Amino acid sequence: MTILMNTNTALIMVSFTLTLIMLLSNSIINIALAEPIVANPNTITKSTSRGQVILLPVNTGNPKLDQDIHSFYSCIKKTVKESKPTDLSEYNYFATEPTKVEVNNCYHNVFG
C-alpha cells in the first residue's frame, strides 16, 4: 500500500512539475517573441487609416431622434472643419478628430 501511494504521489508530482514547466516555457516564449511596445515618434505622423468611415443611415423609429443624431454628427464634422490646429509643424490628431470639449458642446447644442 505504501509503495502504491508513493507511486501515485510521485506521478502527481511529476505531472505537476511538467505542467508547470510547460506553462512557464510558453510564457517565456511568448515574451521573447512579442514585439516591444515602444512609442516611436516617427510613426505618429504616418496615418494607418483607409479613409473616412461611412455612417449608416439611422432609423430608430423616432424621426426626431434620427434627425438629432444626424445634426449631432453634422455639428462635429463642422466643428472639426472650422477648428485650426495650433501647431502645424507636426501631425496633429485634433486637426481631423474632435476634442472632448467639441463633442460635449455639440451634444449639448443638439440634445440640450
PDB file of N, CA and C in Angstrom:
ATOM      1  N   MET A   1       0.820  -1.192   0.000  1.00  0.00           N
ATOM      2  CA  MET A   1       0.000   0.000   0.000  1.00  0.00           C
ATOM      3  C   MET A   1       0.866   1.259   0.000  1.00  0.00           C
ATOM      4  N   THR A   2       1.934   1.258   0.764  1.00  0.00           N
ATOM      5  CA  THR A   2       2.830   2.409   0.848  1.00  0.00           C
ATOM      6  C   THR A   2       3.518   2.644  -0.489  1.00  0.00           C
ATOM      7  N   ILE A   3       3.897   1.551  -1.155  1.00  0.00           N
ATOM      8  CA  ILE A   3       4.562   1.699  -2.453  1.00  0.00           C
ATOM      9  C   ILE A   3       3.592   2.281  -3.478  1.00  0.00           C
ATOM     10  N   LEU A   4       2.339   1.832  -3.471  1.00  0.00           N
ATOM     11  CA  LEU A   4       1.344   2.349  -4.393  1.00  0.00           C
ATOM     12  C   LEU A   4       1.080   3.827  -4.139  1.00  0.00           C
ATOM     13  N   MET A   5       0.977   4.230  -2.868  1.00  0.00           N
ATOM     14  CA  MET A   5       0.741   5.625  -2.521  1.00  0.00           C
ATOM     15  C   MET A   5       1.944   6.474  -2.923  1.00  0.00           C
ATOM     16  N   ASN A   6       3.143   5.958  -2.712  1.00  0.00           N
ATOM     17  CA  ASN A   6       4.340   6.704  -3.105  1.00  0.00           C
ATOM     18  C   ASN A   6       4.405   6.838  -4.621  1.00  0.00           C
ATOM     19  N   THR A   7       3.975   5.803  -5.363  1.00  0.00           N
ATOM     20  CA  THR A   7       3.960   5.862  -6.817  1.00  0.00           C
ATOM     21  C   THR A   7       2.956   6.896  -7.305  1.00  0.00           C
ATOM     22  N   ASN A   8       1.764   6.897  -6.708  1.00  0.00           N
ATOM     23  CA  ASN A   8       0.751   7.893  -7.073  1.00  0.00           C
ATOM     24  C   ASN A   8       1.221   9.304  -6.761  1.00  0.00           C
ATOM     25  N   THR A   9       1.818   9.470  -5.609  1.00  0.00           N
ATOM     26  CA  THR A   9       2.329  10.787  -5.213  1.00  0.00           C
ATOM     27  C   THR A   9       3.420  11.232  -6.181  1.00  0.00           C
ATOM     28  N   ALA A  10       4.289  10.301  -6.541  1.00  0.00           N
ATOM     29  CA  ALA A  10       5.370  10.640  -7.468  1.00  0.00           C
ATOM     30  C   ALA A  10       4.808  11.006  -8.835  1.00  0.00           C
ATOM     31  N   LEU A  11       3.797  10.265  -9.316  1.00  0.00           N
ATOM     32  CA  LEU A  11       3.186  10.595 -10.601  1.00  0.00           C
ATOM     33  C   LEU A  11       2.523  11.962 -10.574  1.00  0.00           C
ATOM     34  N   ILE A  12       1.851  12.261  -9.492  1.00  0.00           N
ATOM     35  CA  ILE A  12       1.220  13.581  -9.360  1.00  0.00           C
ATOM     36  C   ILE A  12       2.271  14.671  -9.361  1.00  0.00           C
ATOM     37  N   MET A  13       3.367  14.456  -8.636  1.00  0.00           N
ATOM     38  CA  MET A  13       4.427  15.472  -8.579  1.00  0.00           C
ATOM     39  C   MET A  13       5.089  15.656  -9.949  1.00  0.00           C
ATOM     40  N   VAL A  14       5.324  14.550 -10.657  1.00  0.00           N
ATOM     41  CA  VAL A  14       5.929  14.632 -11.991  1.00  0.00           C
ATOM     42  C   VAL A  14       4.969  15.356 -12.938  1.00  0.00           C
ATOM     43  N   SER A  15       3.687  15.021 -12.870  1.00  0.00           N
ATOM     44  CA  SER A  15       2.691  15.670 -13.712  1.00  0.00           C
ATOM     45  C   SER A  15       2.615  17.164 -13.417  1.00  0.00           C
ATOM     46  N   PHE A  16       2.595  17.507 -12.146  1.00  0.00           N
ATOM     47  CA  PHE A  16       2.555  18.918 -11.741  1.00  0.00           C
ATOM     48  C   PHE A  16       3.788  19.658 -12.244  1.00  0.00           C
ATOM     49  N   THR A  17       4.955  19.039 -12.080  1.00  0.00           N
ATOM     50  CA  THR A  17       6.208  19.678 -12.490  1.00  0.00           C
ATOM     51  C   THR A  17       6.246  19.883 -14.007  1.00  0.00           C
ATOM     52  N   LEU A  18       5.824  18.861 -14.769  1.00  0.00           N
ATOM     53  CA  LEU A  18       5.814  19.001 -16.229  1.00  0.00           C
ATOM     54  C   LEU A  18       4.829  20.081 -16.693  1.00  0.00           C
ATOM     55  N   THR A  19       3.671  20.134 -16.056  1.00  0.00           N
ATOM     56  CA  THR A  19       2.689  21.162 -16.393  1.00  0.00           C
ATOM     57  C   THR A  19       3.248  22.546 -16.109  1.00  0.00           C
ATOM     58  N   LEU A  20       3.879  22.695 -14.963  1.00  0.00           N
ATOM     59  CA  LEU A  20       4.468  23.986 -14.595  1.00  0.00           C
ATOM     60  C   LEU A  20       5.563  24.381 -15.582  1.00  0.00           C
ATOM     61  N   ILE A  21       6.392  23.429 -15.975  1.00  0.00           N
ATOM     62  CA  ILE A  21       7.464  23.715 -16.935  1.00  0.00           C
ATOM     63  C   ILE A  21       6.865  24.137 -18.279  1.00  0.00           C
ATOM     64  N   MET A  22       5.820  23.453 -18.721  1.00  0.00           N
ATOM     65  CA  MET A  22       5.181  23.813 -19.991  1.00  0.00           C
ATOM     66  C   MET A  22       4.582  25.208 -19.939  1.00  0.00           C
ATOM     67  N   LEU A  23       3.914  25.532 -18.838  1.00  0.00           N
ATOM     68  CA  LEU A  23       3.315  26.865 -18.720  1.00  0.00           C
ATOM     69  C   LEU A  23       4.373  27.955 -18.696  1.00  0.00           C
ATOM     70  N   LEU A  24       5.428  27.732 -17.930  1.00  0.00           N
ATOM     71  CA  LEU A  24       6.488  28.741 -17.849  1.00  0.00           C
ATOM     72  C   LEU A  24       7.212  28.897 -19.182  1.00  0.00           C
ATOM     73  N   SER A  25       7.493  27.784 -19.860  1.00  0.00           N
ATOM     74  CA  SER A  25       8.201  27.888 -21.141  1.00  0.00           C
ATOM     75  C   SER A  25       7.324  28.588 -22.178  1.00  0.00           C
ATOM     76  N   ASN A  26       6.020  28.334 -22.155  1.00  0.00           N
ATOM     77  CA  ASN A  26       5.113  29.008 -23.077  1.00  0.00           C
ATOM     78  C   ASN A  26       5.109  30.511 -22.809  1.00  0.00           C
ATOM     79  N   SER A  27       5.082  30.899 -21.549  1.00  0.00           N
ATOM     80  CA  SER A  27       5.102  32.327 -21.205  1.00  0.00           C
ATOM     81  C   SER A  27       6.415  32.972 -21.631  1.00  0.00           C
ATOM     82  N   ILE A  28       7.511  32.268 -21.414  1.00  0.00           N
ATOM     83  CA  ILE A  28       8.822  32.818 -21.778  1.00  0.00           C
ATOM     84  C   ILE A  28       8.934  32.967 -23.294  1.00  0.00           C
ATOM     85  N   ILE A  29       8.429  31.972 -24.025  1.00  0.00           N
ATOM     86  CA  ILE A  29       8.463  32.050 -25.493  1.00  0.00           C
ATOM     87  C   ILE A  29       7.602  33.207 -25.982  1.00  0.00           C
ATOM     88  N   ASN A  30       6.411  33.371 -25.396  1.00  0.00           N
ATOM     89  CA  ASN A  30       5.540  34.477 -25.803  1.00  0.00           C
ATOM     90  C   ASN A  30       6.189  35.825 -25.526  1.00  0.00           C
ATOM     91  N   ILE A  31       6.845  35.941 -24.402  1.00  0.00           N
ATOM     92  CA  ILE A  31       7.526  37.201 -24.070  1.00  0.00           C
ATOM     93  C   ILE A  31       8.664  37.454 -25.051  1.00  0.00           C
ATOM     94  N   ALA A  32       9.409  36.415 -25.377  1.00  0.00           N
ATOM     95  CA  ALA A  32      10.552  36.570 -26.282  1.00  0.00           C
ATOM     96  C   ALA A  32      10.105  36.921 -27.697  1.00  0.00           C
ATOM     97  N   LEU A  33       8.959  36.375 -28.127  1.00  0.00           N
ATOM     98  CA  LEU A  33       8.505  36.613 -29.492  1.00  0.00           C
ATOM     99  C   LEU A  33       7.685  37.891 -29.650  1.00  0.00           C
ATOM    100  N   ALA A  34       7.186  38.416 -28.549  1.00  0.00           N
ATOM    101  CA  ALA A  34       6.340  39.604 -28.625  1.00  0.00           C
ATOM    102  C   ALA A  34       7.149  40.801 -29.076  1.00  0.00           C
ATOM    103  N   GLU A  35       6.505  41.634 -29.873  1.00  0.00           N
ATOM    104  CA  GLU A  35       7.156  42.862 -30.306  1.00  0.00           C
ATOM    105  C   GLU A  35       7.136  43.855 -29.149  1.00  0.00           C
ATOM    106  N   PRO A  36       8.218  44.549 -28.948  1.00  0.00           N
ATOM    107  CA  PRO A  36       8.217  45.527 -27.862  1.00  0.00           C
ATOM    108  C   PRO A  36       7.249  46.669 -28.152  1.00  0.00           C
ATOM    109  N   ILE A  37       6.596  47.137 -27.115  1.00  0.00           N
ATOM    110  CA  ILE A  37       5.668  48.259 -27.259  1.00  0.00           C
ATOM    111  C   ILE A  37       6.429  49.519 -26.874  1.00  0.00           C
ATOM    112  N   VAL A  38       6.857  50.225 -27.887  1.00  0.00           N
ATOM    113  CA  VAL A  38       7.650  51.427 -27.674  1.00  0.00           C
ATOM    114  C   VAL A  38       7.033  52.544 -28.498  1.00  0.00           C
ATOM    115  N   ALA A  39       6.834  53.680 -27.870  1.00  0.00           N
ATOM    116  CA  ALA A  39       6.302  54.826 -28.604  1.00  0.00           C
ATOM    117  C   ALA A  39       7.398  55.340 -29.527  1.00  0.00           C
ATOM    118  N   ASN A  40       7.121  55.337 -30.792  1.00  0.00           N
ATOM    119  CA  ASN A  40       8.074  55.821 -31.769  1.00  0.00           C
ATOM    120  C   ASN A  40       7.515  57.104 -32.378  1.00  0.00           C
ATOM    121  N   PRO A  41       8.115  58.224 -32.064  1.00  0.00           N
ATOM    122  CA  PRO A  41       7.581  59.490 -32.565  1.00  0.00           C
ATOM    123  C   PRO A  41       7.588  59.578 -34.088  1.00  0.00           C
ATOM    124  N   ASN A  42       8.413  58.793 -34.772  1.00  0.00           N
ATOM    125  CA  ASN A  42       8.458  58.836 -36.229  1.00  0.00           C
ATOM    126  C   ASN A  42       7.228  58.196 -36.863  1.00  0.00           C
ATOM    127  N   THR A  43       6.566  57.295 -36.142  1.00  0.00           N
ATOM    128  CA  THR A  43       5.405  56.624 -36.722  1.00  0.00           C
ATOM    129  C   THR A  43       4.115  57.373 -36.452  1.00  0.00           C
ATOM    130  N   ILE A  44       4.152  58.375 -35.584  1.00  0.00           N
ATOM    131  CA  ILE A  44       2.943  59.119 -35.256  1.00  0.00           C
ATOM    132  C   ILE A  44       2.435  59.893 -36.472  1.00  0.00           C
ATOM    133  N   THR A  45       3.360  60.349 -37.306  1.00  0.00           N
ATOM    134  CA  THR A  45       2.948  61.160 -38.449  1.00  0.00           C
ATOM    135  C   THR A  45       2.349  60.323 -39.577  1.00  0.00           C
ATOM    136  N   LYS A  46       2.558  59.028 -39.545  1.00  0.00           N
ATOM    137  CA  LYS A  46       2.041  58.177 -40.605  1.00  0.00           C
ATOM    138  C   LYS A  46       0.618  57.757 -40.266  1.00  0.00           C
ATOM    139  N   SER A  47      -0.262  57.904 -41.202  1.00  0.00           N
ATOM    140  CA  SER A  47      -1.657  57.541 -40.998  1.00  0.00           C
ATOM    141  C   SER A  47      -1.876  56.112 -41.460  1.00  0.00           C
ATOM    142  N   THR A  48      -2.547  55.324 -40.628  1.00  0.00           N
ATOM    143  CA  THR A  48      -2.863  53.957 -40.999  1.00  0.00           C
ATOM    144  C   THR A  48      -4.317  53.822 -41.407  1.00  0.00           C
ATOM    145  N   SER A  49      -5.020  54.945 -41.479  1.00  0.00           N
ATOM    146  CA  SER A  49      -6.442  54.877 -41.816  1.00  0.00           C
ATOM    147  C   SER A  49      -6.622  54.653 -43.306  1.00  0.00           C
ATOM    148  N   ARG A  50      -7.744  54.115 -43.634  1.00  0.00           N
ATOM    149  CA  ARG A  50      -8.085  53.860 -45.027  1.00  0.00           C
ATOM    150  C   ARG A  50      -9.089  54.890 -45.534  1.00  0.00           C
ATOM    151  N   GLY A  51      -9.293  55.942 -44.790  1.00  0.00           N
ATOM    152  CA  GLY A  51     -10.255  56.955 -45.181  1.00  0.00           C
ATOM    153  C   GLY A  51     -11.370  57.051 -44.170  1.00  0.00           C
ATOM    154  N   GLN A  52     -12.342  57.850 -44.494  1.00  0.00           N
ATOM    155  CA  GLN A  52     -13.452  58.061 -43.589  1.00  0.00           C
ATOM    156  C   GLN A  52     -14.327  56.827 -43.493  1.00  0.00           C
ATOM    157  N   VAL A  53     -14.884  56.636 -42.325  1.00  0.00           N
ATOM    158  CA  VAL A  53     -15.846  55.567 -42.123  1.00  0.00           C
ATOM    159  C   VAL A  53     -17.200  56.092 -42.574  1.00  0.00           C
ATOM    160  N   ILE A  54     -17.880  55.333 -43.384  1.00  0.00           N
ATOM    161  CA  ILE A  54     -19.183  55.758 -43.892  1.00  0.00           C
ATOM    162  C   ILE A  54     -20.233  55.465 -42.835  1.00  0.00           C
ATOM    163  N   LEU A  55     -20.972  56.494 -42.456  1.00  0.00           N
ATOM    164  CA  LEU A  55     -22.022  56.322 -41.459  1.00  0.00           C
ATOM    165  C   LEU A  55     -23.269  55.755 -42.114  1.00  0.00           C
ATOM    166  N   LEU A  56     -23.829  54.784 -41.465  1.00  0.00           N
ATOM    167  CA  LEU A  56     -25.061  54.189 -41.962  1.00  0.00           C
ATOM    168  C   LEU A  56     -26.240  55.076 -41.594  1.00  0.00           C
ATOM    169  N   PRO A  57     -27.288  55.076 -42.394  1.00  0.00           N
ATOM    170  CA  PRO A  57     -28.463  55.867 -42.042  1.00  0.00           C
ATOM    171  C   PRO A  57     -29.055  55.359 -40.719  1.00  0.00           C
ATOM    172  N   VAL A  58     -29.454  56.305 -39.892  1.00  0.00           N
ATOM    173  CA  VAL A  58     -30.029  55.953 -38.598  1.00  0.00           C
ATOM    174  C   VAL A  58     -31.537  55.861 -38.745  1.00  0.00           C
ATOM    175  N   ASN A  59     -32.092  54.771 -38.254  1.00  0.00           N
ATOM    176  CA  ASN A  59     -33.537  54.604 -38.280  1.00  0.00           C
ATOM    177  C   ASN A  59     -33.965  53.976 -36.956  1.00  0.00           C
ATOM    178  N   THR A  60     -34.170  54.827 -35.955  1.00  0.00           N
ATOM    179  CA  THR A  60     -34.534  54.342 -34.625  1.00  0.00           C
ATOM    180  C   THR A  60     -36.033  54.132 -34.487  1.00  0.00           C
ATOM    181  N   GLY A  61     -36.801  54.618 -35.438  1.00  0.00           N
ATOM    182  CA  GLY A  61     -38.257  54.576 -35.318  1.00  0.00           C
ATOM    183  C   GLY A  61     -38.799  55.871 -34.729  1.00  0.00           C
ATOM    184  N   ASN A  62     -37.880  56.740 -34.309  1.00  0.00           N
ATOM    185  CA  ASN A  62     -38.248  58.036 -33.758  1.00  0.00           C
ATOM    186  C   ASN A  62     -37.651  59.099 -34.688  1.00  0.00           C
ATOM    187  N   PRO A  63     -38.467  59.717 -35.535  1.00  0.00           N
ATOM    188  CA  PRO A  63     -37.940  60.670 -36.526  1.00  0.00           C
ATOM    189  C   PRO A  63     -37.171  61.834 -35.903  1.00  0.00           C
ATOM    190  N   LYS A  64     -37.625  62.320 -34.753  1.00  0.00           N
ATOM    191  CA  LYS A  64     -36.919  63.446 -34.105  1.00  0.00           C
ATOM    192  C   LYS A  64     -35.523  63.007 -33.658  1.00  0.00           C
ATOM    193  N   LEU A  65     -35.433  61.820 -33.053  1.00  0.00           N
ATOM    194  CA  LEU A  65     -34.129  61.308 -32.623  1.00  0.00           C
ATOM    195  C   LEU A  65     -33.222  61.071 -33.824  1.00  0.00           C
ATOM    196  N   ASP A  66     -33.777  60.523 -34.897  1.00  0.00           N
ATOM    197  CA  ASP A  66     -32.986  60.311 -36.117  1.00  0.00           C
ATOM    198  C   ASP A  66     -32.396  61.626 -36.614  1.00  0.00           C
ATOM    199  N   GLN A  67     -33.209  62.682 -36.639  1.00  0.00           N
ATOM    200  CA  GLN A  67     -32.746  63.993 -37.092  1.00  0.00           C
ATOM    201  C   GLN A  67     -31.712  64.566 -36.123  1.00  0.00           C
ATOM    202  N   ASP A  68     -31.945  64.400 -34.818  1.00  0.00           N
ATOM    203  CA  ASP A  68     -30.990  64.914 -33.823  1.00  0.00           C
ATOM    204  C   ASP A  68     -29.636  64.215 -33.925  1.00  0.00           C
ATOM    205  N   ILE A  69     -29.643  62.914 -34.154  1.00  0.00           N
ATOM    206  CA  ILE A  69     -28.374  62.188 -34.311  1.00  0.00           C
ATOM    207  C   ILE A  69     -27.640  62.696 -35.546  1.00  0.00           C
ATOM    208  N   HIS A  70     -28.366  62.894 -36.637  1.00  0.00           N
ATOM    209  CA  HIS A  70     -27.765  63.447 -37.855  1.00  0.00           C
ATOM    210  C   HIS A  70     -27.192  64.843 -37.573  1.00  0.00           C
ATOM    211  N   SER A  71     -27.947  65.673 -36.857  1.00  0.00           N
ATOM    212  CA  SER A  71     -27.484  67.028 -36.511  1.00  0.00           C
ATOM    213  C   SER A  71     -26.245  66.978 -35.629  1.00  0.00           C
ATOM    214  N   PHE A  72     -26.202  66.029 -34.705  1.00  0.00           N
ATOM    215  CA  PHE A  72     -25.052  65.874 -33.805  1.00  0.00           C
ATOM    216  C   PHE A  72     -23.784  65.579 -34.606  1.00  0.00           C
ATOM    217  N   TYR A  73     -23.856  64.602 -35.502  1.00  0.00           N
ATOM    218  CA  TYR A  73     -22.678  64.273 -36.309  1.00  0.00           C
ATOM    219  C   TYR A  73     -22.321  65.395 -37.279  1.00  0.00           C
ATOM    220  N   SER A  74     -23.298  66.099 -37.788  1.00  0.00           N
ATOM    221  CA  SER A  74     -23.021  67.252 -38.655  1.00  0.00           C
ATOM    222  C   SER A  74     -22.318  68.349 -37.874  1.00  0.00           C
ATOM    223  N   CYS A  75     -22.745  68.554 -36.634  1.00  0.00           N
ATOM    224  CA  CYS A  75     -22.113  69.561 -35.771  1.00  0.00           C
ATOM    225  C   CYS A  75     -20.644  69.211 -35.528  1.00  0.00           C
ATOM    226  N   ILE A  76     -20.372  67.947 -35.247  1.00  0.00           N
ATOM    227  CA  ILE A  76     -18.985  67.521 -35.007  1.00  0.00           C
ATOM    228  C   ILE A  76     -18.151  67.738 -36.267  1.00  0.00           C
ATOM    229  N   LYS A  77     -18.675  67.339 -37.400  1.00  0.00           N
ATOM    230  CA  LYS A  77     -17.946  67.499 -38.657  1.00  0.00           C
ATOM    231  C   LYS A  77     -17.633  68.964 -38.932  1.00  0.00           C
ATOM    232  N   LYS A  78     -18.625  69.826 -38.729  1.00  0.00           N
ATOM    233  CA  LYS A  78     -18.451  71.262 -38.956  1.00  0.00           C
ATOM    234  C   LYS A  78     -17.438  71.850 -37.965  1.00  0.00           C
ATOM    235  N   THR A  79     -17.532  71.432 -36.714  1.00  0.00           N
ATOM    236  CA  THR A  79     -16.630  71.951 -35.678  1.00  0.00           C
ATOM    237  C   THR A  79     -15.183  71.587 -35.973  1.00  0.00           C
ATOM    238  N   VAL A  80     -14.951  70.351 -36.364  1.00  0.00           N
ATOM    239  CA  VAL A  80     -13.582  69.921 -36.686  1.00  0.00           C
ATOM    240  C   VAL A  80     -13.066  70.673 -37.899  1.00  0.00           C
ATOM    241  N   LYS A  81     -13.920  70.864 -38.882  1.00  0.00           N
ATOM    242  CA  LYS A  81     -13.513  71.579 -40.107  1.00  0.00           C
ATOM    243  C   LYS A  81     -13.136  73.024 -39.792  1.00  0.00           C
ATOM    244  N   GLU A  82     -13.853  73.641 -38.846  1.00  0.00           N
ATOM    245  CA  GLU A  82     -13.602  75.042 -38.509  1.00  0.00           C
ATOM    246  C   GLU A  82     -12.453  75.231 -37.533  1.00  0.00           C
ATOM    247  N   SER A  83     -12.111  74.201 -36.761  1.00  0.00           N
ATOM    248  CA  SER A  83     -11.036  74.355 -35.778  1.00  0.00           C
ATOM    249  C   SER A  83      -9.694  74.305 -36.473  1.00  0.00           C
ATOM    250  N   LYS A  84      -8.784  75.088 -35.994  1.00  0.00           N
ATOM    251  CA  LYS A  84      -7.447  75.163 -36.573  1.00  0.00           C
ATOM    252  C   LYS A  84      -6.447  74.609 -35.570  1.00  0.00           C
ATOM    253  N   PRO A  85      -5.570  73.684 -36.012  1.00  0.00           N
ATOM    254  CA  PRO A  85      -4.530  73.197 -35.100  1.00  0.00           C
ATOM    255  C   PRO A  85      -3.550  74.322 -34.781  1.00  0.00           C
ATOM    256  N   THR A  86      -3.086  74.352 -33.559  1.00  0.00           N
ATOM    257  CA  THR A  86      -2.169  75.415 -33.142  1.00  0.00           C
ATOM    258  C   THR A  86      -0.744  75.151 -33.614  1.00  0.00           C
ATOM    259  N   ASP A  87      -0.375  73.872 -33.743  1.00  0.00           N
ATOM    260  CA  ASP A  87       0.986  73.534 -34.153  1.00  0.00           C
ATOM    261  C   ASP A  87       0.929  72.788 -35.483  1.00  0.00           C
ATOM    262  N   LEU A  88       1.286  73.459 -36.552  1.00  0.00           N
ATOM    263  CA  LEU A  88       1.236  72.857 -37.873  1.00  0.00           C
ATOM    264  C   LEU A  88       2.544  72.175 -38.261  1.00  0.00           C
ATOM    265  N   SER A  89       3.567  72.218 -37.370  1.00  0.00           N
ATOM    266  CA  SER A  89       4.863  71.645 -37.717  1.00  0.00           C
ATOM    267  C   SER A  89       4.855  70.120 -37.660  1.00  0.00           C
ATOM    268  N   GLU A  90       3.919  69.523 -36.960  1.00  0.00           N
ATOM    269  CA  GLU A  90       3.850  68.064 -36.894  1.00  0.00           C
ATOM    270  C   GLU A  90       2.399  67.622 -36.975  1.00  0.00           C
ATOM    271  N   TYR A  91       2.198  66.344 -37.127  1.00  0.00           N
ATOM    272  CA  TYR A  91       0.845  65.811 -37.215  1.00  0.00           C
ATOM    273  C   TYR A  91       0.064  66.161 -35.967  1.00  0.00           C
ATOM    274  N   ASN A  92      -1.125  66.664 -36.157  1.00  0.00           N
ATOM    275  CA  ASN A  92      -1.983  67.000 -35.032  1.00  0.00           C
ATOM    276  C   ASN A  92      -3.251  66.168 -35.157  1.00  0.00           C
ATOM    277  N   TYR A  93      -3.431  65.252 -34.230  1.00  0.00           N
ATOM    278  CA  TYR A  93      -4.590  64.353 -34.244  1.00  0.00           C
ATOM    279  C   TYR A  93      -5.890  65.132 -34.308  1.00  0.00           C
ATOM    280  N   PHE A  94      -5.959  66.240 -33.571  1.00  0.00           N
ATOM    281  CA  PHE A  94      -7.192  67.002 -33.479  1.00  0.00           C
ATOM    282  C   PHE A  94      -7.446  67.900 -34.685  1.00  0.00           C
ATOM    283  N   ALA A  95      -6.572  67.813 -35.686  1.00  0.00           N
ATOM    284  CA  ALA A  95      -6.857  68.514 -36.936  1.00  0.00           C
ATOM    285  C   ALA A  95      -7.923  67.758 -37.722  1.00  0.00           C
ATOM    286  N   THR A  96      -8.057  66.455 -37.444  1.00  0.00           N
ATOM    287  CA  THR A  96      -9.035  65.644 -38.162  1.00  0.00           C
ATOM    288  C   THR A  96     -10.056  64.973 -37.243  1.00  0.00           C
ATOM    289  N   GLU A  97      -9.841  65.046 -35.940  1.00  0.00           N
ATOM    290  CA  GLU A  97     -10.743  64.414 -34.969  1.00  0.00           C
ATOM    291  C   GLU A  97     -11.196  65.451 -33.939  1.00  0.00           C
ATOM    292  N   PRO A  98     -12.415  65.301 -33.411  1.00  0.00           N
ATOM    293  CA  PRO A  98     -12.904  66.280 -32.434  1.00  0.00           C
ATOM    294  C   PRO A  98     -12.276  66.082 -31.064  1.00  0.00           C
ATOM    295  N   THR A  99     -12.199  67.170 -30.332  1.00  0.00           N
ATOM    296  CA  THR A  99     -11.765  67.086 -28.939  1.00  0.00           C
ATOM    297  C   THR A  99     -12.973  66.717 -28.080  1.00  0.00           C
ATOM    298  N   LYS A 100     -12.705  66.375 -26.854  1.00  0.00           N
ATOM    299  CA  LYS A 100     -13.792  66.039 -25.918  1.00  0.00           C
ATOM    300  C   LYS A 100     -14.710  67.245 -25.719  1.00  0.00           C
ATOM    301  N   VAL A 101     -14.125  68.417 -25.639  1.00  0.00           N
ATOM    302  CA  VAL A 101     -14.912  69.644 -25.449  1.00  0.00           C
ATOM    303  C   VAL A 101     -15.820  69.888 -26.655  1.00  0.00           C
ATOM    304  N   GLU A 102     -15.287  69.679 -27.861  1.00  0.00           N
ATOM    305  CA  GLU A 102     -16.099  69.875 -29.064  1.00  0.00           C
ATOM    306  C   GLU A 102     -17.273  68.893 -29.114  1.00  0.00           C
ATOM    307  N   VAL A 103     -17.022  67.643 -28.747  1.00  0.00           N
ATOM    308  CA  VAL A 103     -18.102  66.645 -28.725  1.00  0.00           C
ATOM    309  C   VAL A 103     -19.146  67.031 -27.686  1.00  0.00           C
ATOM    310  N   ASN A 104     -18.682  67.427 -26.500  1.00  0.00           N
ATOM    311  CA  ASN A 104     -19.626  67.844 -25.447  1.00  0.00           C
ATOM    312  C   ASN A 104     -20.458  69.041 -25.879  1.00  0.00           C
ATOM    313  N   ASN A 105     -19.820  70.021 -26.512  1.00  0.00           N
ATOM    314  CA  ASN A 105     -20.564  71.209 -26.957  1.00  0.00           C
ATOM    315  C   ASN A 105     -21.620  70.830 -28.006  1.00  0.00           C
ATOM    316  N   CYS A 106     -21.252  69.984 -28.949  1.00  0.00           N
ATOM    317  CA  CYS A 106     -22.225  69.551 -29.955  1.00  0.00           C
ATOM    318  C   CYS A 106     -23.371  68.778 -29.312  1.00  0.00           C
ATOM    319  N   TYR A 107     -23.047  67.941 -28.366  1.00  0.00           N
ATOM    320  CA  TYR A 107     -24.080  67.164 -27.685  1.00  0.00           C
ATOM    321  C   TYR A 107     -25.086  68.101 -26.993  1.00  0.00           C
ATOM    322  N   HIS A 108     -24.544  69.067 -26.247  1.00  0.00           N
ATOM    323  CA  HIS A 108     -25.436  69.993 -25.531  1.00  0.00           C
ATOM    324  C   HIS A 108     -26.208  70.903 -26.487  1.00  0.00           C
ATOM    325  N   ASN A 109     -25.591  71.284 -27.610  1.00  0.00           N
ATOM    326  CA  ASN A 109     -26.293  72.115 -28.599  1.00  0.00           C
ATOM    327  C   ASN A 109     -27.447  71.363 -29.251  1.00  0.00           C
ATOM    328  N   VAL A 110     -27.283  70.077 -29.486  1.00  0.00           N
ATOM    329  CA  VAL A 110     -28.303  69.295 -30.201  1.00  0.00           C
ATOM    330  C   VAL A 110     -29.317  68.687 -29.250  1.00  0.00           C
ATOM    331  N   PHE A 111     -28.832  68.043 -28.206  1.00  0.00           N
ATOM    332  CA  PHE A 111     -29.726  67.309 -27.322  1.00  0.00           C
ATOM    333  C   PHE A 111     -30.128  68.092 -26.066  1.00  0.00           C
ATOM    334  N   GLY A 112     -29.497  69.220 -25.867  1.00  0.00           N
ATOM    335  CA  GLY A 112     -29.889  70.074 -24.738  1.00  0.00           C
ATOM    336  C   GLY A 112     -29.252  69.807 -23.463  1.00  0.00           C
TER     337      GLY A 112
END
